[in-house]
């Protein structure tokens, strides 16, 4: 039997239903387009109003008188002026909008503009400005786009110039890169045109208001109690320690935590590009590098400061970060009686940290053979602490490695503790455990006279 397949045809009801669905979809699309257009027009209008208010406010306000006012008086004065400007220009702004603009203008005069509230937000670790239209923040190890915007590129550059000027530096086309710090100690990097193509970029690493101890880090799961005990004894024993890790891994936080175990009897000299260490001891001298001036003179780098620090009778030298030829002078200091010195280095593993030190010593142009460099490192460095930022944003000490000297031409190390990852759940959270290798640290024997109790 042959069956003829007759093509199905839609009934009238089906055709009407399909037409209605199509019309509904088209209506929804147009509605979304209108909403997006309305939002875009609203944002454009808001920026236009802000620009107008800002220009007229700066024309009316007297900087000399404003600098003598208290913050409350200045805020009240700005509020009155903004209300007058809105009335004069017939700007239809709600009371909330007026107050928001007033806060922004106030922050711009006494702080760093729109991003000032982010500095007061303790949940924010990093503030990343990518031109006028994008401000990202890092919360709990994760980046997210904020709703903060600058008026235009000139607005961003003005804020950047104010930050640089506060520490005696400049940012413009002739000097388009600068490292600086804010009044609260937060570290800032600025790069602008012509190197930053899409607009001035401001990167702020916030100053940690809470000075965390090793015990607090243990409570947060960054290390175990046994690791705290080893690090505490390492600081008591005046071991030379290198803190190793990637960008944003928590090297400076750990350096601050370790420094709390330093005795008040020691004279400490810190050397940094931008001062951000928070040492609590009585006898601390802080040194900071200086970039080259507009005339091309006056540069003072870390290597110069390390050499000078050796003439200042230090008990301990702490380097914020080793990245060049100063590593040779630092190793020399560690080998010549300045035990208990600390520094940080960018690397992924303790073995990589050693190789980076080798390379950086070569950058000092001392023409030393590799074996001599390795012997210098093996003699100077006692402990390498590796920190890492996990994929879930948490920061942990993933390795504590002891340097045990040289054998043939290889630096010998033994890992005392490591972090082993067990699993990663559906939300990306990393769970694991801190594992001891079972090796007894050799400095427990060689430095036992420093310890308060027997081990």
Protein backbone atom coordinates (compact mmCIF):
# COMPACT_ATOMS: atom_id res chain seq x y z
CA UNK A 1 0.00 0.00 0.00
CA UNK A 2 1.28 3.43 -0.91
CA UNK A 3 0.47 6.19 1.52
CA UNK A 4 0.57 9.71 0.17
CA UNK A 5 2.02 12.13 2.75
CA UNK A 6 0.00 15.30 2.48
CA UNK A 7 1.89 18.30 3.89
CA UNK A 8 0.25 19.74 6.96
CA UNK A 9 -1.17 23.23 6.74
CA UNK A 10 -1.68 25.52 9.72
CA UNK A 11 -5.24 26.19 10.73
CA UNK A 12 -6.52 29.75 10.86
CA UNK A 13 -6.40 29.69 14.67
CA UNK A 14 -2.77 28.60 14.64
CA UNK A 15 -1.88 31.34 12.15
CA UNK A 16 -3.59 33.97 14.33
CA UNK A 17 -1.80 32.65 17.44
CA UNK A 18 1.60 32.78 15.71
CA UNK A 19 0.88 36.32 14.54
CA UNK A 20 -0.03 37.40 18.07
CA UNK A 21 3.16 35.85 19.49
CA UNK A 22 5.24 37.60 16.84
CA UNK A 23 3.53 40.92 17.55
CA UNK A 24 4.07 40.44 21.30
CA UNK A 25 7.77 39.71 20.79
CA UNK A 26 8.13 42.77 18.56
CA UNK A 27 6.35 44.88 21.18
CA UNK A 28 8.67 43.60 23.94
CA UNK A 29 11.73 44.30 21.81
CA UNK A 30 10.58 47.87 21.14
CA UNK A 31 9.83 48.36 24.84
CA UNK A 32 13.31 47.19 25.86
CA UNK A 33 14.85 49.42 23.20
CA UNK A 34 12.87 52.41 24.51
CA UNK A 35 13.96 51.63 28.08
CA UNK A 36 17.61 51.34 27.04
CA UNK A 37 17.33 54.57 25.05
CA UNK A 38 15.64 56.29 27.99
CA UNK A 39 18.35 55.07 30.38
CA UNK A 40 21.07 56.22 27.95
CA UNK A 41 19.41 59.64 27.58
CA UNK A 42 19.03 59.86 31.35
CA UNK A 43 22.72 59.03 31.90
CA UNK A 44 23.75 61.56 29.24
CA UNK A 45 21.51 64.21 30.81
CA UNK A 46 22.86 63.40 34.28
CA UNK A 47 26.48 63.77 33.11
CA UNK A 48 25.58 67.00 31.31
CA UNK A 49 23.99 68.42 34.48
CA UNK A 50 26.95 67.32 36.60
CA UNK A 51 29.38 68.98 34.20
CA UNK A 52 27.36 72.23 34.24
CA UNK A 53 27.05 72.27 38.05
CA UNK A 54 30.73 71.44 38.51
CA UNK A 55 31.90 74.22 36.17
CA UNK A 56 29.68 76.88 37.75
CA UNK A 57 30.47 75.72 41.29
CA UNK A 58 34.20 76.11 40.69
CA UNK A 59 33.59 79.58 39.22
CA UNK A 60 31.70 80.72 42.31
CA UNK A 61 33.64 79.15 45.16
CA UNK A 62 36.72 80.81 46.64
CA UNK A 63 39.44 78.17 47.21
CA UNK A 64 41.19 80.27 49.88
CA UNK A 65 38.03 80.72 51.94
CA UNK A 66 36.95 77.12 51.33
CA UNK A 67 40.23 75.82 52.77
CA UNK A 68 39.53 77.64 56.06
CA UNK A 69 36.04 76.17 56.52
CA UNK A 70 35.25 73.07 58.53
CA UNK A 71 33.96 70.06 56.60
CA UNK A 72 30.41 70.62 57.83
CA UNK A 73 30.46 74.32 56.88
CA UNK A 74 31.96 73.57 53.47
CA UNK A 75 29.37 70.85 52.81
CA UNK A 76 26.54 73.29 53.73
CA UNK A 77 28.05 75.98 51.49
CA UNK A 78 28.29 73.57 48.54
CA UNK A 79 24.70 72.43 49.08
CA UNK A 80 23.42 76.03 48.96
CA UNK A 81 25.44 76.85 45.84
CA UNK A 82 24.22 73.74 44.01
CA UNK A 83 20.61 74.58 44.85
CA UNK A 84 21.16 78.13 43.52
CA UNK A 85 22.77 76.82 40.31
CA UNK A 86 19.86 74.42 39.74
CA UNK A 87 17.34 77.26 40.20
CA UNK A 88 19.26 79.64 37.93
CA UNK A 89 19.60 77.07 35.13
CA UNK A 90 16.15 75.55 35.72
CA UNK A 91 17.54 72.09 36.23
CA UNK A 92 14.86 69.61 37.25
CA UNK A 93 16.68 67.55 39.86
CA UNK A 94 15.17 65.66 42.76
CA UNK A 95 16.38 66.27 46.29
CA UNK A 96 18.21 62.93 46.26
CA UNK A 97 20.01 63.89 43.02
CA UNK A 98 21.03 67.24 44.50
CA UNK A 99 22.39 65.58 47.63
CA UNK A 100 24.26 62.98 45.56
CA UNK A 101 25.91 65.71 43.44
CA UNK A 102 26.66 67.68 46.62
CA UNK A 103 28.45 64.65 48.10
CA UNK A 104 30.44 64.16 44.89
CA UNK A 105 31.51 67.81 44.78
CA UNK A 106 32.44 67.71 48.48
CA UNK A 107 34.52 64.56 47.97
CA UNK A 108 36.19 66.19 44.98
CA UNK A 109 37.24 69.20 47.03
CA UNK A 110 38.47 67.40 50.13
CA UNK A 111 39.17 63.90 48.76
CA UNK A 112 39.60 62.12 45.46
CA UNK A 113 36.23 62.65 43.82
CA UNK A 114 33.68 59.95 42.97
CA UNK A 115 35.83 57.10 44.27
CA UNK A 116 36.22 58.59 47.77
CA UNK A 117 33.31 56.49 49.19
CA UNK A 118 35.07 53.32 48.01
CA UNK A 119 38.03 54.17 50.25
CA UNK A 120 35.69 54.16 53.25
CA UNK A 121 34.20 50.78 52.25
CA UNK A 122 36.14 48.14 54.20
CA UNK A 123 34.88 45.37 51.90
CA UNK A 124 36.79 46.88 48.94
CA UNK A 125 40.44 45.85 48.52
CA UNK A 126 41.27 47.34 45.11
CA UNK A 127 39.83 50.25 43.10
CA UNK A 128 40.54 50.14 39.35
CA UNK A 129 39.60 53.15 37.21
CA UNK A 130 39.67 52.44 33.45
CA UNK A 131 39.01 55.88 31.99
CA UNK A 132 35.90 57.92 32.74
CA UNK A 133 33.30 55.21 32.09
CA UNK A 134 34.52 52.20 34.10
CA UNK A 135 35.36 51.77 37.77
CA UNK A 136 35.96 48.19 38.93
CA UNK A 137 36.39 47.13 42.55
CA UNK A 138 37.68 43.95 44.15
CA UNK A 139 35.55 42.56 46.97
CA UNK A 140 36.52 39.33 48.74
CA UNK A 141 38.97 38.49 45.97
CA UNK A 142 36.48 38.98 43.09
CA UNK A 143 36.33 41.87 40.60
CA UNK A 144 33.01 43.58 39.95
CA UNK A 145 31.91 46.64 37.96
CA UNK A 146 30.67 49.50 40.16
CA UNK A 147 28.05 52.10 39.22
CA UNK A 148 30.49 54.98 39.75
CA UNK A 149 31.37 57.11 36.71
CA UNK A 150 33.53 60.15 36.10
CA UNK A 151 32.20 63.11 34.10
CA UNK A 152 34.86 62.89 31.37
CA UNK A 153 38.55 62.14 30.78
CA UNK A 154 39.56 65.60 32.02
CA UNK A 155 37.81 64.81 35.32
CA UNK A 156 39.82 61.57 35.75
CA UNK A 157 43.10 63.32 34.89
CA UNK A 158 42.41 66.13 37.39
CA UNK A 159 41.91 63.57 40.17
CA UNK A 160 45.08 61.72 39.08
CA UNK A 161 47.10 64.95 39.11
CA UNK A 162 45.82 65.80 42.59
CA UNK A 163 46.87 62.36 43.90
CA UNK A 164 50.35 62.72 42.37
CA UNK A 165 50.81 66.32 43.57
CA UNK A 166 50.01 65.31 47.16
CA UNK A 167 53.27 63.30 47.28
CA UNK A 168 55.33 65.76 45.26
CA UNK A 169 55.05 63.98 41.93
CA UNK A 170 53.48 64.80 38.57
CA UNK A 171 51.47 63.04 35.89
CA UNK A 172 51.15 64.40 32.34
CA UNK A 173 52.10 63.54 28.78
CA UNK A 174 55.82 64.05 29.47
CA UNK A 175 55.70 61.83 32.57
CA UNK A 176 52.73 59.50 31.93
CA UNK A 177 53.44 56.93 34.70
CA UNK A 178 53.66 57.48 38.43
CA UNK A 179 53.57 55.50 41.69
CA UNK A 180 52.11 57.36 44.65
CA UNK A 181 50.21 56.84 47.89
CA UNK A 182 47.13 58.38 49.45
CA UNK A 183 46.96 60.08 52.84
CA UNK A 184 45.79 56.81 54.46
CA UNK A 185 48.74 54.89 52.98
CA UNK A 186 46.88 53.23 50.09
CA UNK A 187 49.18 52.46 47.16
CA UNK A 188 48.37 54.12 43.81
CA UNK A 189 49.61 53.59 40.26
CA UNK A 190 48.58 56.03 37.52
CA UNK A 191 49.18 55.78 33.80
CA UNK A 192 47.78 58.24 31.25
CA UNK A 193 47.89 59.28 27.60
CA UNK A 194 49.78 58.55 25.35
CA UNK A 195 50.58 55.22 27.04
CA UNK A 196 47.00 54.54 28.20
CA UNK A 197 45.07 54.58 24.92
CA UNK A 198 41.51 54.47 26.29
CA UNK A 199 41.96 57.09 28.99
CA UNK A 200 43.75 57.60 32.29
CA UNK A 201 43.97 54.46 34.42
CA UNK A 202 44.16 54.67 38.23
CA UNK A 203 44.89 51.51 40.24
CA UNK A 204 44.52 51.78 44.02
CA UNK A 205 45.56 49.02 46.41
CA UNK A 206 43.83 50.02 49.63
CA UNK A 207 45.64 50.39 52.91
CA UNK A 208 44.50 47.71 55.34
CA UNK A 209 42.99 49.54 58.32
CA UNK A 210 43.24 46.44 60.49
CA UNK A 211 46.80 45.39 61.10
CA UNK A 212 46.38 41.62 60.96
CA UNK A 213 48.47 39.33 63.10
CA UNK A 214 49.43 35.74 62.32
CA UNK A 215 46.74 34.63 64.76
CA UNK A 216 44.03 36.58 62.91
CA UNK A 217 45.22 35.14 59.61
CA UNK A 218 44.96 31.68 61.17
CA UNK A 219 41.34 32.38 62.17
CA UNK A 220 40.63 33.35 58.56
CA UNK A 221 42.02 30.05 57.29
CA UNK A 222 45.21 31.47 55.75
CA UNK A 223 47.47 29.10 57.69
CA UNK A 224 47.39 26.48 60.45
CA UNK A 225 48.33 26.77 64.11
CA UNK A 226 51.50 24.74 63.58
CA UNK A 227 52.53 27.14 60.78
CA UNK A 228 51.94 30.12 63.10
CA UNK A 229 54.25 28.48 65.65
CA UNK A 230 57.02 27.93 63.09
CA UNK A 231 56.81 31.50 61.75
CA UNK A 232 56.75 32.94 65.27
CA UNK A 233 59.92 31.02 66.17
CA UNK A 234 61.49 32.04 62.85
CA UNK A 235 60.99 35.70 63.76
CA UNK A 236 62.29 35.11 67.30
CA UNK A 237 65.33 33.36 65.86
CA UNK A 238 66.04 36.31 63.53
CA UNK A 239 65.82 34.25 60.36
CA UNK A 240 66.04 36.03 57.01
CA UNK A 241 62.65 35.45 55.38
CA UNK A 242 61.44 35.99 51.83
CA UNK A 243 57.69 36.28 51.25
CA UNK A 244 56.92 35.07 47.73
CA UNK A 245 53.71 35.27 45.72
CA UNK A 246 51.85 36.76 42.79
CA UNK A 247 50.17 40.14 42.47
CA UNK A 248 47.42 40.61 45.05
CA UNK A 249 48.31 37.38 46.87
CA UNK A 250 48.72 39.14 50.24
CA UNK A 251 52.51 39.49 50.48
CA UNK A 252 52.44 42.88 52.21
CA UNK A 253 49.70 41.74 54.61
CA UNK A 254 51.84 38.74 55.62
CA UNK A 255 54.92 40.95 55.90
CA UNK A 256 53.04 43.21 58.31
CA UNK A 257 51.87 40.17 60.30
CA UNK A 258 55.41 38.81 60.56
CA UNK A 259 56.77 42.20 61.61
CA UNK A 260 54.55 42.15 64.73
CA UNK A 261 56.82 39.43 66.12
CA UNK A 262 59.87 41.73 66.01
CA UNK A 263 61.20 42.89 69.37
CA UNK A 264 60.89 46.56 70.39
CA UNK A 265 64.62 46.48 71.13
CA UNK A 266 65.51 46.23 67.42
CA UNK A 267 66.20 49.23 65.18
CA UNK A 268 64.23 48.58 61.97
CA UNK A 269 64.70 50.34 58.63
CA UNK A 270 62.03 49.87 55.95
CA UNK A 271 62.62 50.60 52.27
CA UNK A 272 59.68 50.87 49.85
CA UNK A 273 58.63 52.45 46.57
CA UNK A 274 55.41 53.63 48.22
CA UNK A 275 55.35 53.38 52.01
CA UNK A 276 52.59 50.97 53.08
CA UNK A 277 54.09 48.83 55.85
CA UNK A 278 52.46 49.28 59.27
CA UNK A 279 55.14 48.51 61.81
CA UNK A 280 54.11 48.84 65.45
CA UNK A 281 57.58 48.90 66.98
CA UNK A 282 59.09 51.93 68.73
CA UNK A 283 62.31 52.26 66.73
CA UNK A 284 61.39 52.36 63.03
CA UNK A 285 62.93 54.48 60.25
CA UNK A 286 60.90 54.53 57.01
CA UNK A 287 62.61 55.26 53.70
CA UNK A 288 60.90 55.78 50.34
CA UNK A 289 62.33 55.93 46.81
CA UNK A 290 62.14 59.08 44.69
CA UNK A 291 61.51 59.08 40.92
CA UNK A 292 63.43 61.15 38.43
CA UNK A 293 62.47 64.84 38.31
CA UNK A 294 61.20 66.72 35.25
CA UNK A 295 64.82 67.83 34.64
CA UNK A 296 65.96 64.21 34.59
CA UNK A 297 67.79 64.36 37.90
CA UNK A 298 67.28 63.46 41.55
CA UNK A 299 66.30 59.82 41.16
CA UNK A 300 66.86 57.67 44.27
CA UNK A 301 66.10 53.97 43.80
CA UNK A 302 65.90 51.07 46.25
CA UNK A 303 69.51 50.10 45.68
CA UNK A 304 70.68 53.55 46.79
CA UNK A 305 68.51 53.33 49.89
CA UNK A 306 69.73 49.83 50.80
CA UNK A 307 73.34 51.03 50.60
CA UNK A 308 72.50 54.04 52.74
CA UNK A 309 70.57 51.90 55.24
CA UNK A 310 73.69 49.82 55.89
CA UNK A 311 75.31 53.00 57.30
CA UNK A 312 72.37 53.67 59.64
CA UNK A 313 73.15 50.93 62.17
CA UNK A 314 70.10 48.76 61.42
CA UNK A 315 69.27 45.59 63.34
CA UNK A 316 66.77 44.55 60.67
CA UNK A 317 66.13 45.77 57.14
CA UNK A 318 62.72 45.26 55.56
CA UNK A 319 62.35 45.70 51.80
CA UNK A 320 58.78 46.15 50.55
CA UNK A 321 59.61 44.41 47.27
CA UNK A 322 62.81 43.24 45.60
CA UNK A 323 62.69 43.64 41.84
CA UNK A 324 66.16 44.57 40.61
CA UNK A 325 69.81 45.08 41.45
CA UNK A 326 69.02 45.93 45.09
CA UNK A 327 68.67 42.18 45.66
CA UNK A 328 72.48 41.89 45.64
CA UNK A 329 72.86 44.57 48.32
CA UNK A 330 70.06 42.97 50.33
CA UNK A 331 71.81 39.59 50.26
CA UNK A 332 75.03 41.28 51.30
CA UNK A 333 73.23 42.86 54.26
CA UNK A 334 71.73 39.50 55.29
CA UNK A 335 75.20 37.98 55.19
CA UNK A 336 76.89 40.73 57.18
CA UNK A 337 75.14 40.76 60.53
CA UNK A 338 71.67 42.09 59.72
CA UNK A 339 69.83 38.91 60.63
CA UNK A 340 66.06 38.88 60.74
CA UNK A 341 65.65 40.90 57.55
CA UNK A 342 62.51 40.53 55.43
CA UNK A 343 61.54 41.19 51.82
CA UNK A 344 58.95 40.20 49.22
CA UNK A 345 59.42 38.92 45.69
CA UNK A 346 57.04 38.12 42.83
CA UNK A 347 57.15 34.41 41.98
CA UNK A 348 54.90 31.36 41.74
CA UNK A 349 56.83 28.83 43.84
CA UNK A 350 59.70 28.88 46.38
CA UNK A 351 62.04 27.41 43.75
CA UNK A 352 61.00 30.16 41.32
CA UNK A 353 61.76 32.72 44.04
CA UNK A 354 65.33 31.44 44.25
CA UNK A 355 65.73 31.60 40.47
CA UNK A 356 64.32 35.14 40.42
CA UNK A 357 66.85 36.18 43.06
CA UNK A 358 69.62 34.72 40.90
CA UNK A 359 68.41 36.69 37.88
CA UNK A 360 68.04 39.92 39.86
CA UNK A 361 71.56 39.65 41.28
CA UNK A 362 72.78 39.32 37.69
CA UNK A 363 70.89 42.56 36.93
CA UNK A 364 73.22 44.31 39.40
CA UNK A 365 76.03 43.87 36.82
CA UNK A 366 78.44 42.46 39.40
CA UNK A 367 79.81 39.89 36.91
CA UNK A 368 79.66 37.12 39.50
CA UNK A 369 79.67 33.45 38.46
CA UNK A 370 76.37 31.64 38.98
CA UNK A 371 77.82 29.34 41.63
CA UNK A 372 78.95 32.33 43.72
CA UNK A 373 75.48 33.88 43.44
CA UNK A 374 73.84 30.65 44.56
CA UNK A 375 76.18 30.32 47.53
CA UNK A 376 75.35 33.88 48.50
CA UNK A 377 71.60 33.11 48.36
CA UNK A 378 71.97 29.81 50.23
CA UNK A 379 73.94 31.54 52.98
CA UNK A 380 71.66 34.59 53.28
CA UNK A 381 68.12 33.23 52.93
CA UNK A 382 66.73 30.99 55.68
CA UNK A 383 63.00 30.66 54.92
CA UNK A 384 60.71 31.20 51.92
CA UNK A 385 56.99 31.64 52.61
CA UNK A 386 54.78 31.20 49.53
CA UNK A 387 51.37 32.92 49.49
CA UNK A 388 48.71 32.46 46.84
CA UNK A 389 45.33 33.91 45.94
CA UNK A 390 43.02 30.99 45.20
CA UNK A 391 40.44 30.92 42.42
CA UNK A 392 37.69 31.69 44.95
CA UNK A 393 39.51 34.86 46.04
CA UNK A 394 40.78 33.49 49.36
CA UNK A 395 44.45 33.96 50.23
CA UNK A 396 46.50 31.22 51.86
CA UNK A 397 50.06 30.33 52.68
CA UNK A 398 50.60 27.35 50.39
CA UNK A 399 54.19 26.54 51.33
CA UNK A 400 56.81 27.20 54.00
CA UNK A 401 60.20 26.11 52.70
CA UNK A 402 63.52 26.11 54.54
CA UNK A 403 66.77 26.75 52.67
CA UNK A 404 69.32 24.16 53.81
CA UNK A 405 72.51 25.29 52.07
CA UNK A 406 74.35 24.08 48.95
CA UNK A 407 75.16 20.62 47.63
CA UNK A 408 77.43 20.65 44.60
CA UNK A 409 76.03 23.66 42.70
CA UNK A 410 72.36 23.23 43.71
CA UNK A 411 70.61 25.08 46.53
CA UNK A 412 69.01 22.52 48.84
CA UNK A 413 65.57 23.15 50.34
CA UNK A 414 63.08 21.23 52.44
CA UNK A 415 59.37 21.97 52.52
CA UNK A 416 58.02 22.16 56.06
CA UNK A 417 54.34 22.81 55.29
CA UNK A 418 52.13 22.79 52.21
CA UNK A 419 48.48 23.34 51.35
CA UNK A 420 46.73 20.47 49.56
CA UNK A 421 43.49 21.16 47.70
CA UNK A 422 40.81 18.53 48.28
CA UNK A 423 37.90 19.83 46.22
CA UNK A 424 36.24 22.80 44.54
CA UNK A 425 32.49 23.08 45.01
CA UNK A 426 29.91 24.30 42.50
CA UNK A 427 30.35 27.93 43.61
CA UNK A 428 34.10 27.77 43.06
CA UNK A 429 35.05 27.64 46.74
CA UNK A 430 38.33 25.85 47.40
CA UNK A 431 38.56 23.44 50.33
CA UNK A 432 41.74 21.74 51.45
CA UNK A 433 44.09 21.20 54.35
CA UNK A 434 47.50 22.28 55.56
CA UNK A 435 49.91 19.36 55.64
CA UNK A 436 53.17 19.07 57.54
CA UNK A 437 56.04 17.24 55.87
CA UNK A 438 57.11 15.87 59.25
CA UNK A 439 60.57 17.43 58.88
CA UNK A 440 61.90 19.21 61.94
CA UNK A 441 63.11 22.73 60.98
CA UNK A 442 66.89 22.81 61.24
CA UNK A 443 66.81 26.30 62.77
CA UNK A 444 65.10 24.79 65.84
CA UNK A 445 68.58 23.47 66.65
CA UNK A 446 70.88 26.16 65.23
CA UNK A 447 68.86 29.08 66.68
CA UNK A 448 67.54 27.45 69.86
CA UNK A 449 69.25 30.08 72.06
CA UNK A 450 66.81 32.70 70.74
CA UNK A 451 63.65 30.87 71.84
CA UNK A 452 61.76 31.60 75.02
CA UNK A 453 61.10 27.92 75.66
CA UNK A 454 62.65 24.62 74.59
CA UNK A 455 61.41 22.93 71.39
